[in-house]
C-alpha atoms as a PDB file:
ATOM      1  CA  UNK A   1      24.695  15.584 -47.694  1.00  0.00           C
ATOM      2  CA  UNK A   2      27.586  13.170 -47.303  1.00  0.00           C
ATOM      3  CA  UNK A   3      25.771  10.481 -49.294  1.00  0.00           C
ATOM      4  CA  UNK A   4      25.485  12.804 -52.265  1.00  0.00           C
ATOM      5  CA  UNK A   5      29.157  13.730 -52.130  1.00  0.00           C
ATOM      6  CA  UNK A   6      30.203  10.073 -51.796  1.00  0.00           C
ATOM      7  CA  UNK A   7      27.884   9.002 -54.631  1.00  0.00           C
ATOM      8  CA  UNK A   8      29.329  11.707 -56.907  1.00  0.00           C
ATOM      9  CA  UNK A   9      32.908  10.760 -56.025  1.00  0.00           C
ATOM     10  CA  UNK A  10      32.247   7.058 -56.641  1.00  0.00           C
ATOM     11  CA  UNK A  11      31.721   7.891 -60.335  1.00  0.00           C
ATOM     12  CA  UNK A  12      35.288   9.231 -60.590  1.00  0.00           C
ATOM     13  CA  UNK A  13      38.463   7.379 -61.427  1.00  0.00           C
ATOM     14  CA  UNK A  14      40.632   6.063 -58.585  1.00  0.00           C
ATOM     15  CA  UNK A  15      42.931   8.695 -57.086  1.00  0.00           C
ATOM     16  CA  UNK A  16      44.323   6.880 -54.047  1.00  0.00           C
ATOM     17  CA  UNK A  17      46.198   3.642 -53.261  1.00  0.00           C
ATOM     18  CA  UNK A  18      45.652   1.992 -56.627  1.00  0.00           C
ATOM     19  CA  UNK A  19      41.912   1.368 -56.802  1.00  0.00           C
ATOM     20  CA  UNK A  20      40.414   3.679 -54.184  1.00  0.00           C
ATOM     21  CA  UNK A  21      38.803   7.089 -54.446  1.00  0.00           C
ATOM     22  CA  UNK A  22      39.415   9.552 -51.643  1.00  0.00           C
ATOM     23  CA  UNK A  23      36.496  11.978 -51.433  1.00  0.00           C
ATOM     24  CA  UNK A  24      36.671  15.088 -49.246  1.00  0.00           C
ATOM     25  CA  UNK A  25      34.117  17.796 -48.538  1.00  0.00           C
ATOM     26  CA  UNK A  26      33.826  20.873 -46.384  1.00  0.00           C
ATOM     27  CA  UNK A  27      32.288  20.517 -42.937  1.00  0.00           C
ATOM     28  CA  UNK A  28      32.636  24.133 -41.883  1.00  0.00           C
ATOM     29  CA  UNK A  29      34.971  27.059 -42.319  1.00  0.00           C
ATOM     30  CA  UNK A  30      38.450  25.605 -42.838  1.00  0.00           C
ATOM     31  CA  UNK A  31      37.241  22.096 -42.015  1.00  0.00           C
ATOM     32  CA  UNK A  32      37.254  18.936 -44.152  1.00  0.00           C
ATOM     33  CA  UNK A  33      35.739  15.511 -43.689  1.00  0.00           C
ATOM     34  CA  UNK A  34      36.476  12.580 -45.982  1.00  0.00           C
ATOM     35  CA  UNK A  35      35.716   8.997 -46.988  1.00  0.00           C
ATOM     36  CA  UNK A  36      37.580   6.337 -48.948  1.00  0.00           C
ATOM     37  CA  UNK A  37      35.691   4.405 -51.626  1.00  0.00           C
ATOM     38  CA  UNK A  38      36.830   1.072 -53.071  1.00  0.00           C
ATOM     39  CA  UNK A  39      36.296   1.565 -56.808  1.00  0.00           C
ATOM     40  CA  UNK A  40      36.218  -2.210 -57.392  1.00  0.00           C
ATOM     41  CA  UNK A  41      33.658  -3.221 -54.754  1.00  0.00           C
ATOM     42  CA  UNK A  42      31.859   0.037 -53.956  1.00  0.00           C
ATOM     43  CA  UNK A  43      32.659  -0.338 -50.250  1.00  0.00           C
ATOM     44  CA  UNK A  44      32.851   3.006 -48.462  1.00  0.00           C
ATOM     45  CA  UNK A  45      35.251   3.472 -45.561  1.00  0.00           C
ATOM     46  CA  UNK A  46      33.987   6.506 -43.716  1.00  0.00           C
ATOM     47  CA  UNK A  47      36.506   8.135 -41.443  1.00  0.00           C
ATOM     48  CA  UNK A  48      34.720   9.811 -38.562  1.00  0.00           C
ATOM     49  CA  UNK A  49      37.474  12.379 -38.408  1.00  0.00           C
ATOM     50  CA  UNK A  50      38.092  15.904 -39.615  1.00  0.00           C
ATOM     51  CA  UNK A  51      41.040  18.143 -40.297  1.00  0.00           C
ATOM     52  CA  UNK A  52      40.663  21.859 -39.753  1.00  0.00           C
ATOM     53  CA  UNK A  53      42.222  25.171 -38.883  1.00  0.00           C
ATOM     54  CA  UNK A  54      45.090  25.533 -41.316  1.00  0.00           C
ATOM     55  CA  UNK A  55      44.791  29.311 -41.457  1.00  0.00           C
ATOM     56  CA  UNK A  56      47.731  31.624 -41.648  1.00  0.00           C
ATOM     57  CA  UNK A  57      50.270  32.145 -44.356  1.00  0.00           C
ATOM     58  CA  UNK A  58      49.919  29.035 -46.475  1.00  0.00           C
ATOM     59  CA  UNK A  59      51.114  28.823 -50.077  1.00  0.00           C
ATOM     60  CA  UNK A  60      48.584  28.699 -52.915  1.00  0.00           C
ATOM     61  CA  UNK A  61      49.389  25.026 -53.551  1.00  0.00           C
ATOM     62  CA  UNK A  62      48.683  24.081 -49.897  1.00  0.00           C
ATOM     63  CA  UNK A  63      46.382  21.122 -49.365  1.00  0.00           C
ATOM     64  CA  UNK A  64      45.194  19.995 -45.917  1.00  0.00           C
ATOM     65  CA  UNK A  65      44.871  16.426 -47.285  1.00  0.00           C
ATOM     66  CA  UNK A  66      47.634  14.979 -49.472  1.00  0.00           C
ATOM     67  CA  UNK A  67      47.422  11.570 -51.110  1.00  0.00           C
ATOM     68  CA  UNK A  68      48.480   9.804 -54.318  1.00  0.00           C
ATOM     69  CA  UNK A  69      47.158   7.103 -56.610  1.00  0.00           C
ATOM     70  CA  UNK A  70      50.344   5.072 -56.135  1.00  0.00           C
ATOM     71  CA  UNK A  71      50.539   5.217 -52.326  1.00  0.00           C
ATOM     72  CA  UNK A  72      48.571   4.170 -49.231  1.00  0.00           C
ATOM     73  CA  UNK A  73      49.923   7.198 -47.333  1.00  0.00           C
ATOM     74  CA  UNK A  74      47.618  10.077 -46.390  1.00  0.00           C
ATOM     75  CA  UNK A  75      49.043  13.276 -44.919  1.00  0.00           C
ATOM     76  CA  UNK A  76      46.707  15.583 -42.987  1.00  0.00           C
ATOM     77  CA  UNK A  77      47.781  19.122 -42.099  1.00  0.00           C
ATOM     78  CA  UNK A  78      45.946  21.166 -39.487  1.00  0.00           C
ATOM     79  CA  UNK A  79      44.140  20.167 -36.301  1.00  0.00           C
ATOM     80  CA  UNK A  80      42.609  16.702 -36.127  1.00  0.00           C
ATOM     81  CA  UNK A  81      38.998  16.481 -34.978  1.00  0.00           C
ATOM     82  CA  UNK A  82      39.053  20.148 -33.970  1.00  0.00           C
ATOM     83  CA  UNK A  83      41.099  19.500 -30.837  1.00  0.00           C
ATOM     84  CA  UNK A  84      44.762  19.415 -29.985  1.00  0.00           C
ATOM     85  CA  UNK A  85      47.537  21.206 -31.761  1.00  0.00           C
ATOM     86  CA  UNK A  86      48.113  22.098 -35.361  1.00  0.00           C
ATOM     87  CA  UNK A  87      50.552  19.817 -37.130  1.00  0.00           C
ATOM     88  CA  UNK A  88      51.270  17.330 -39.880  1.00  0.00           C
ATOM     89  CA  UNK A  89      49.824  13.853 -39.345  1.00  0.00           C
ATOM     90  CA  UNK A  90      50.633  10.771 -41.426  1.00  0.00           C
ATOM     91  CA  UNK A  91      48.404   7.718 -41.842  1.00  0.00           C
ATOM     92  CA  UNK A  92      48.567   4.509 -43.866  1.00  0.00           C
ATOM     93  CA  UNK A  93      45.372   2.944 -45.192  1.00  0.00           C
ATOM     94  CA  UNK A  94      45.400  -0.739 -44.181  1.00  0.00           C
ATOM     95  CA  UNK A  95      42.552  -3.258 -44.082  1.00  0.00           C
ATOM     96  CA  UNK A  96      39.867  -0.602 -44.385  1.00  0.00           C
ATOM     97  CA  UNK A  97      41.124   1.869 -41.814  1.00  0.00           C
ATOM     98  CA  UNK A  98      43.683   4.607 -41.345  1.00  0.00           C
ATOM     99  CA  UNK A  99      46.606   3.694 -39.105  1.00  0.00           C
ATOM    100  CA  UNK A 100      48.476   6.686 -37.687  1.00  0.00           C
ATOM    101  CA  UNK A 101      52.228   6.635 -38.140  1.00  0.00           C
ATOM    102  CA  UNK A 102      54.536   7.826 -35.378  1.00  0.00           C
END
């Protein structure tokens, strides 16, 4: 299932950090998993992580994963890997992996 989603996303234009494509898909009720695809080389960086449980009163424009074409920053909102507390978590994509910011 993930291969299909990644293959479909790889056909899209870059949407993250200049020449990458961030692809996300549902992995359960209120749960997302994601991968980062290098649009130039085809390399897939699969993050074995999820963000979930953002229920409650959230605005219509709410997104549990925020990212931009012009930035290496990824913001995740919810609970990471279905454990711990709900919050906002910031990461920078460096050398093929996400580095969590304090």
